[in-house]
Protein backbone atom coordinates (compact mmCIF):
# COMPACT_ATOMS: atom_id res chain seq x y z
CA UNK A 1 265.24 202.31 115.92
CA UNK A 2 266.24 199.18 113.99
CA UNK A 3 264.15 198.31 110.96
CA UNK A 4 262.91 194.88 109.92
CA UNK A 5 263.11 195.81 106.23
CA UNK A 6 265.76 196.66 103.63
CA UNK A 7 265.41 200.45 103.62
CA UNK A 8 268.66 201.06 105.52
CA UNK A 9 270.52 198.93 103.00
CA UNK A 10 269.02 200.85 100.10
CA UNK A 11 270.03 204.18 101.61
CA UNK A 12 273.58 202.87 101.93
CA UNK A 13 273.37 201.77 98.31
CA UNK A 14 272.24 205.28 97.36
CA UNK A 15 275.24 206.81 99.13
CA UNK A 16 277.64 204.41 97.40
CA UNK A 17 276.14 205.22 93.98
CA UNK A 18 276.72 208.91 94.70
CA UNK A 19 280.36 208.15 95.52
CA UNK A 20 280.81 206.24 92.27
CA UNK A 21 279.26 208.97 90.15
CA UNK A 22 281.18 211.76 91.85
CA UNK A 23 284.44 209.88 91.37
CA UNK A 24 284.22 210.30 87.59
CA UNK A 25 283.64 214.05 87.85
CA UNK A 26 286.29 214.61 90.51
CA UNK A 27 288.89 212.76 88.45
CA UNK A 28 288.11 214.84 85.37
CA UNK A 29 286.28 212.00 83.61
CA UNK A 30 282.77 213.41 83.71
CA UNK A 31 282.05 212.30 80.14
CA UNK A 32 282.47 208.67 81.26
CA UNK A 33 279.83 208.67 84.03
CA UNK A 34 277.68 205.51 83.79
CA UNK A 35 273.95 205.99 83.22
CA UNK A 36 271.38 203.69 84.83
CA UNK A 37 267.65 203.89 83.99
CA UNK A 38 268.38 207.12 82.14
CA UNK A 39 270.16 208.88 85.00
CA UNK A 40 273.82 209.42 85.86
CA UNK A 41 274.64 206.89 88.55
CA UNK A 42 275.16 209.57 91.23
CA UNK A 43 271.75 211.09 90.44
CA UNK A 44 270.21 207.64 90.75
CA UNK A 45 271.66 207.47 94.27
CA UNK A 46 269.94 210.75 95.15
CA UNK A 47 266.71 209.46 93.60
CA UNK A 48 266.87 206.52 96.02
CA UNK A 49 267.25 208.91 98.96
CA UNK A 50 264.35 211.15 97.95
CA UNK A 51 261.99 208.26 97.12
CA UNK A 52 262.55 206.62 100.49
CA UNK A 53 262.44 209.95 102.30
CA UNK A 54 259.08 210.85 100.73
CA UNK A 55 257.60 207.56 101.88
CA UNK A 56 259.00 207.72 105.43
CA UNK A 57 258.36 211.43 106.06
CA UNK A 58 254.76 211.17 104.88
CA UNK A 59 254.31 208.15 107.16
CA UNK A 60 255.89 210.01 110.08
CA UNK A 61 253.61 213.02 109.69
CA UNK A 62 250.40 211.01 109.25
CA UNK A 63 251.20 209.09 112.45
CA UNK A 64 251.92 212.13 114.62
CA UNK A 65 250.22 215.17 113.02
CA UNK A 66 251.91 217.49 115.49
CA UNK A 67 254.17 220.14 114.01
CA UNK A 68 256.55 220.68 116.94
CA UNK A 69 257.69 217.06 117.46
CA UNK A 70 257.68 216.54 113.70
CA UNK A 71 260.06 219.46 113.06
CA UNK A 72 262.15 218.61 116.12
CA UNK A 73 262.68 215.12 114.72
CA UNK A 74 263.61 216.42 111.27
CA UNK A 75 266.05 219.03 112.62
CA UNK A 76 267.73 216.62 115.04
CA UNK A 77 268.29 214.22 112.16
CA UNK A 78 269.69 216.60 109.57
CA UNK A 79 271.59 219.35 111.39
CA UNK A 80 273.98 217.73 113.92
CA UNK A 81 275.85 215.72 111.30
CA UNK A 82 275.79 218.65 108.88
CA UNK A 83 277.20 221.06 111.46
CA UNK A 84 280.02 218.63 112.20
CA UNK A 85 281.08 218.17 108.57
CA UNK A 86 280.89 221.91 107.86
CA UNK A 87 282.91 222.95 110.92
CA UNK A 88 285.54 220.25 110.46
CA UNK A 89 285.91 221.23 106.81
CA UNK A 90 286.41 224.86 107.83
CA UNK A 91 288.63 224.35 110.85
CA UNK A 92 290.60 221.19 110.04
CA UNK A 93 290.60 220.30 106.34
CA UNK A 94 290.82 223.89 105.11
CA UNK A 95 293.83 225.04 107.17
CA UNK A 96 295.70 221.80 106.43
CA UNK A 97 295.40 221.90 102.64
CA UNK A 98 294.89 225.55 101.67
CA UNK A 99 297.42 227.08 99.34
CA UNK A 100 297.11 230.37 101.22
CA UNK A 101 298.87 231.43 104.39
CA UNK A 102 296.78 230.24 107.32
CA UNK A 103 296.26 233.80 108.55
CA UNK A 104 294.98 234.84 105.12
CA UNK A 105 292.78 231.75 104.97
CA UNK A 106 290.95 232.65 108.19
CA UNK A 107 290.72 236.33 107.21
CA UNK A 108 289.15 235.58 103.82
CA UNK A 109 285.42 236.29 103.51
CA UNK A 110 284.81 232.86 101.98
CA UNK A 111 286.00 231.20 105.19
CA UNK A 112 283.09 232.47 107.26
CA UNK A 113 280.82 232.29 104.22
CA UNK A 114 281.20 228.51 104.19
CA UNK A 115 279.31 228.39 107.50
CA UNK A 116 276.13 229.32 105.61
CA UNK A 117 275.92 225.62 104.73
CA UNK A 118 274.75 225.10 108.32
CA UNK A 119 271.61 227.07 107.50
CA UNK A 120 271.29 225.16 104.23
CA UNK A 121 272.54 227.98 102.02
CA UNK A 122 275.14 226.22 99.85
CA UNK A 123 278.67 227.52 99.43
CA UNK A 124 281.04 225.01 97.91
CA UNK A 125 284.46 226.63 98.16
CA UNK A 126 286.91 227.49 100.91
CA UNK A 127 289.81 229.90 100.31
CA UNK A 128 292.70 228.20 98.54
CA UNK A 129 291.27 224.69 99.11
CA UNK A 130 291.42 222.10 96.30
CA UNK A 131 292.25 224.84 93.77
CA UNK A 132 294.52 222.69 91.58
CA UNK A 133 292.48 219.49 91.38
CA UNK A 134 290.71 218.21 88.24
CA UNK A 135 287.41 219.41 89.79
CA UNK A 136 288.70 222.57 91.47
CA UNK A 137 287.44 224.64 94.41
CA UNK A 138 284.69 222.22 95.43
CA UNK A 139 284.87 221.12 99.08
CA UNK A 140 281.53 219.33 99.33
CA UNK A 141 279.32 219.27 96.28
CA UNK A 142 276.88 216.86 97.94
CA UNK A 143 275.39 219.60 100.12
CA UNK A 144 273.16 220.96 97.33
CA UNK A 145 270.46 218.36 98.01
CA UNK A 146 269.92 219.30 101.66
CA UNK A 147 267.94 222.54 101.13
CA UNK A 148 265.85 220.74 98.49
CA UNK A 149 265.02 217.96 100.94
CA UNK A 150 264.42 220.25 103.92
CA UNK A 151 261.95 222.23 101.82
CA UNK A 152 260.02 218.97 101.37
CA UNK A 153 259.98 218.54 105.15
CA UNK A 154 258.40 221.98 105.49
CA UNK A 155 255.76 221.30 102.84
CA UNK A 156 254.64 217.86 104.07
CA UNK A 157 252.53 219.15 107.01
CA UNK A 158 250.73 221.51 104.63
CA UNK A 159 249.80 218.92 102.02
CA UNK A 160 249.61 215.57 103.83
CA UNK A 161 246.29 216.35 105.45
CA UNK A 162 244.18 213.77 107.21
CA UNK A 163 241.66 213.31 104.39
CA UNK A 164 242.93 211.22 101.51
CA UNK A 165 240.39 212.85 99.19
CA UNK A 166 242.21 216.16 99.66
CA UNK A 167 245.77 214.89 100.06
CA UNK A 168 245.95 213.00 96.76
CA UNK A 169 244.86 215.88 94.47
CA UNK A 170 247.24 218.27 96.27
CA UNK A 171 250.17 215.85 95.90
CA UNK A 172 249.39 215.31 92.20
CA UNK A 173 249.20 219.07 91.72
CA UNK A 174 252.63 219.50 93.31
CA UNK A 175 253.93 216.62 91.22
CA UNK A 176 252.79 218.31 88.02
CA UNK A 177 254.35 221.60 89.08
CA UNK A 178 257.63 219.88 89.97
CA UNK A 179 257.72 218.05 86.62
CA UNK A 180 257.23 221.35 84.84
CA UNK A 181 259.97 223.10 86.83
CA UNK A 182 262.34 220.15 86.33
CA UNK A 183 262.11 220.61 82.56
CA UNK A 184 263.08 224.27 82.58
CA UNK A 185 266.49 224.69 80.94
CA UNK A 186 269.26 225.19 83.54
CA UNK A 187 270.23 228.57 82.13
CA UNK A 188 266.61 229.75 82.37
CA UNK A 189 265.88 228.32 85.80
CA UNK A 190 266.05 230.75 88.72
CA UNK A 191 268.42 230.14 91.62
CA UNK A 192 266.61 230.35 94.95
CA UNK A 193 268.50 230.18 98.23
CA UNK A 194 271.63 229.04 96.45
CA UNK A 195 269.91 226.16 94.62
CA UNK A 196 268.84 226.03 90.99
CA UNK A 197 265.08 225.46 91.01
CA UNK A 198 265.11 222.93 88.16
CA UNK A 199 267.66 220.78 90.00
CA UNK A 200 265.62 220.82 93.20
CA UNK A 201 262.36 220.11 91.35
CA UNK A 202 263.87 217.08 89.62
CA UNK A 203 264.31 215.54 93.09
CA UNK A 204 261.01 216.82 94.52
CA UNK A 205 259.33 214.64 91.89
CA UNK A 206 260.64 211.53 93.62
CA UNK A 207 259.88 212.74 97.14
CA UNK A 208 256.28 213.38 96.07
CA UNK A 209 256.13 209.98 94.37
CA UNK A 210 257.24 208.32 97.61
CA UNK A 211 254.56 210.26 99.50
CA UNK A 212 251.91 209.24 96.97
CA UNK A 213 252.90 205.59 97.27
CA UNK A 214 252.66 205.80 101.07
CA UNK A 215 249.22 207.39 100.70
CA UNK A 216 248.11 204.67 98.27
CA UNK A 217 249.37 201.98 100.65
CA UNK A 218 246.94 203.25 103.30
CA UNK A 219 244.11 202.05 101.06
CA UNK A 220 245.84 199.17 99.26
CA UNK A 221 247.81 197.09 101.82
CA UNK A 222 249.23 194.76 99.14
CA UNK A 223 250.35 197.62 96.94
CA UNK A 224 254.03 196.68 96.62
CA UNK A 225 254.56 193.55 94.49
CA UNK A 226 257.83 192.26 93.14
CA UNK A 227 256.39 191.12 89.80
CA UNK A 228 254.89 194.56 89.14
CA UNK A 229 258.18 196.22 90.10
CA UNK A 230 260.16 194.02 87.68
CA UNK A 231 257.74 194.67 84.80
CA UNK A 232 257.88 198.40 85.59
CA UNK A 233 261.68 198.45 85.50
CA UNK A 234 261.70 196.58 82.19
CA UNK A 235 259.26 199.15 80.85
CA UNK A 236 261.56 201.90 82.10
CA UNK A 237 264.52 200.36 80.27
CA UNK A 238 262.45 200.29 77.07
CA UNK A 239 261.35 203.90 77.58
CA UNK A 240 264.93 205.05 78.09
CA UNK A 241 265.96 203.30 74.87
CA UNK A 242 263.09 204.67 72.79
CA UNK A 243 262.50 208.11 74.30
CA UNK A 244 265.60 209.13 76.26
CA UNK A 245 264.56 212.80 76.51
CA UNK A 246 261.28 211.86 78.23
CA UNK A 247 262.92 209.80 80.96
CA UNK A 248 261.63 211.78 83.95
CA UNK A 249 258.01 211.42 82.83
CA UNK A 250 258.16 207.69 83.51
CA UNK A 251 260.86 207.31 86.16
CA UNK A 252 258.77 209.08 88.82
CA UNK A 253 256.39 206.11 88.60
CA UNK A 254 258.63 203.10 88.04
CA UNK A 255 261.76 203.87 90.04
CA UNK A 256 260.16 204.88 93.39
CA UNK A 257 257.82 201.89 93.16
CA UNK A 258 260.70 199.48 92.52
CA UNK A 259 262.90 201.09 95.20
CA UNK A 260 260.18 200.89 97.84
CA UNK A 261 259.09 197.39 96.83
CA UNK A 262 262.63 196.11 97.36
CA UNK A 263 263.27 198.38 100.35
CA UNK A 264 260.13 197.36 102.27
CA UNK A 265 260.90 193.68 101.78
CA UNK A 266 262.72 191.90 104.59
CA UNK A 267 265.75 190.02 103.30
CA UNK A 268 268.01 188.11 105.71
CA UNK A 269 271.31 189.89 106.34
CA UNK A 270 270.29 192.80 104.09
CA UNK A 271 267.78 194.03 106.68
CA UNK A 272 270.61 194.22 109.23
CA UNK A 273 272.51 196.85 107.25
CA UNK A 274 272.26 199.32 110.14
CA UNK A 275 273.52 196.97 112.84
CA UNK A 276 276.64 199.14 113.19
CA UNK A 277 274.64 202.37 113.02
CA UNK A 278 272.65 204.28 110.43
CA UNK A 279 275.67 205.29 108.36
CA UNK A 280 274.06 206.37 105.09
CA UNK A 281 273.69 210.08 105.93
CA UNK A 282 277.22 210.36 107.32
CA UNK A 283 278.58 208.48 104.31
CA UNK A 284 276.80 210.92 102.01
CA UNK A 285 278.08 213.97 103.90
CA UNK A 286 281.71 212.90 104.19
CA UNK A 287 282.46 211.13 100.91
CA UNK A 288 282.92 214.20 98.70
CA UNK A 289 285.62 215.93 100.80
CA UNK A 290 287.33 212.56 101.35
CA UNK A 291 287.36 211.99 97.58
CA UNK A 292 289.01 215.37 97.06
CA UNK A 293 291.56 214.70 99.81
CA UNK A 294 292.49 211.33 98.30
CA UNK A 295 293.03 212.94 94.89
CA UNK A 296 295.08 215.72 96.49
CA UNK A 297 297.26 213.22 98.33
CA UNK A 298 297.57 210.38 95.81
CA UNK A 299 296.46 211.79 92.48
CA UNK A 300 293.84 210.24 90.22
CA UNK A 301 294.07 206.58 91.11
CA UNK A 302 292.46 203.77 89.16
CA UNK A 303 288.78 203.38 90.00
CA UNK A 304 289.50 199.95 91.42
CA UNK A 305 291.74 201.57 94.04
CA UNK A 306 290.05 204.94 94.52
CA UNK A 307 286.50 203.75 95.15
CA UNK A 308 287.30 201.15 97.86
CA UNK A 309 289.72 203.53 99.59
CA UNK A 310 287.26 206.43 99.60
CA UNK A 311 284.36 204.23 100.69
CA UNK A 312 286.29 202.69 103.59
CA UNK A 313 287.57 206.06 104.82
CA UNK A 314 284.13 207.64 104.48
CA UNK A 315 282.48 204.72 106.30
CA UNK A 316 284.93 205.16 109.18
CA UNK A 317 284.00 208.84 109.48
CA UNK A 318 280.30 208.00 109.10
CA UNK A 319 280.65 205.46 111.94
CA UNK A 320 282.31 208.07 114.16
CA UNK A 321 279.69 210.63 113.22
CA UNK A 322 276.87 208.24 114.06
CA UNK A 323 278.22 207.10 117.41
CA UNK A 324 279.39 210.51 118.63
CA UNK A 325 276.95 212.96 117.05
CA UNK A 326 274.03 211.57 115.04
CA UNK A 327 273.15 208.63 117.31
CA UNK A 328 273.02 210.74 120.50
CA UNK A 329 270.95 213.31 118.57
CA UNK A 330 268.51 210.60 117.53
CA UNK A 331 268.21 209.43 121.12
CA UNK A 332 267.52 213.02 122.10
CA UNK A 333 264.93 213.13 119.34
CA UNK A 334 263.23 210.02 120.76
CA UNK A 335 263.28 211.52 124.25
CA UNK A 336 261.76 214.77 122.97
CA UNK A 337 259.05 212.90 121.07
CA UNK A 338 258.23 210.71 124.06
CA UNK A 339 257.96 213.74 126.32
CA UNK A 340 255.76 215.58 123.85
CA UNK A 341 253.49 212.61 123.27
CA UNK A 342 253.16 211.60 126.94
CA UNK A 343 249.64 212.25 128.24
CA UNK A 344 249.44 214.98 130.82
CA UNK A 345 247.90 214.03 134.13
CA UNK A 346 244.79 215.91 135.15
CA UNK A 347 243.68 216.32 138.76
CA UNK A 348 241.15 213.55 138.23
CA UNK A 349 243.78 211.12 137.00
CA UNK A 350 246.68 212.13 139.24
CA UNK A 351 247.65 209.32 141.57
CA UNK A 352 247.29 210.13 145.30
CA UNK A 353 250.45 210.72 147.25
CA UNK A 354 251.79 207.69 149.02
CA UNK A 355 251.02 207.43 152.73
CA UNK A 356 254.07 207.81 154.94
CA UNK A 357 255.37 204.56 156.33
CA UNK A 358 254.15 203.76 159.79
């Protein structure tokens, strides 16, 4: 479904920001990562994804309120592209670049272990793959966000109830809990299902903020205003300068509001960002292994060469993924939803059989 707003463009922007931030780490220059609004630029990209996702997923649930089509839609969006990138990493990239004998590569326990990414249990290494790079042994570090986001999908039907008087307090309660968990020191935070809880909670904050803004919009149609968004961002810049350690306490308000204000606007050309397909998810999935492959093949290039090369290659794979895997899955999703939402005919409403021709 093509949108008449800028949300597709902002999701592409989020994916590109992740590529830029990862490039510094993968080239061994992690201490040079740019910070924007108090966040590393790659984290800001993920913030964009979670803020938009919170808004759209809450809207999707409140429109349908039926768990089976809701979960079918979520699974058909997230898993086909994920399965493709995991299997191709295991069966194509790994055997081509591993430092081990191919037989030993396939016999290694970590080979089959990598398939746990399909069920959203992160494993980042494949046997002998990318072992000598500046950021070694990491095949696809972007996958850590997927279990955190899918958990949000599971929680939405439980908290986004019909009555706003109940939904808002529940969302604020979850927001407070997520803010608390996000501030737990990494070494003290438990790891659940392969994901550090504090890392996941720091993104749940923005998903919940997007959901709250969608809920508020149901009562305040003119909620999103450009002037308010600009003032909020200026306030965020001041907060980052004065109280850098308290950044998350204010960003959950200002950043999602600004992202959604700009994303829900309809700007000529910008709103047509998905005219070649919804490439943001594929770009996010494929960029990390492509970045590692480029470094393996060409070394640590200048940013001015590395970033365009990686982005173009990743966009090509994202385009292929959309038109061969994700797009057909989305059409299947629409067919499933239409079938599930179609009214069933009762005997009283069933049309009579046509009379045979004379």
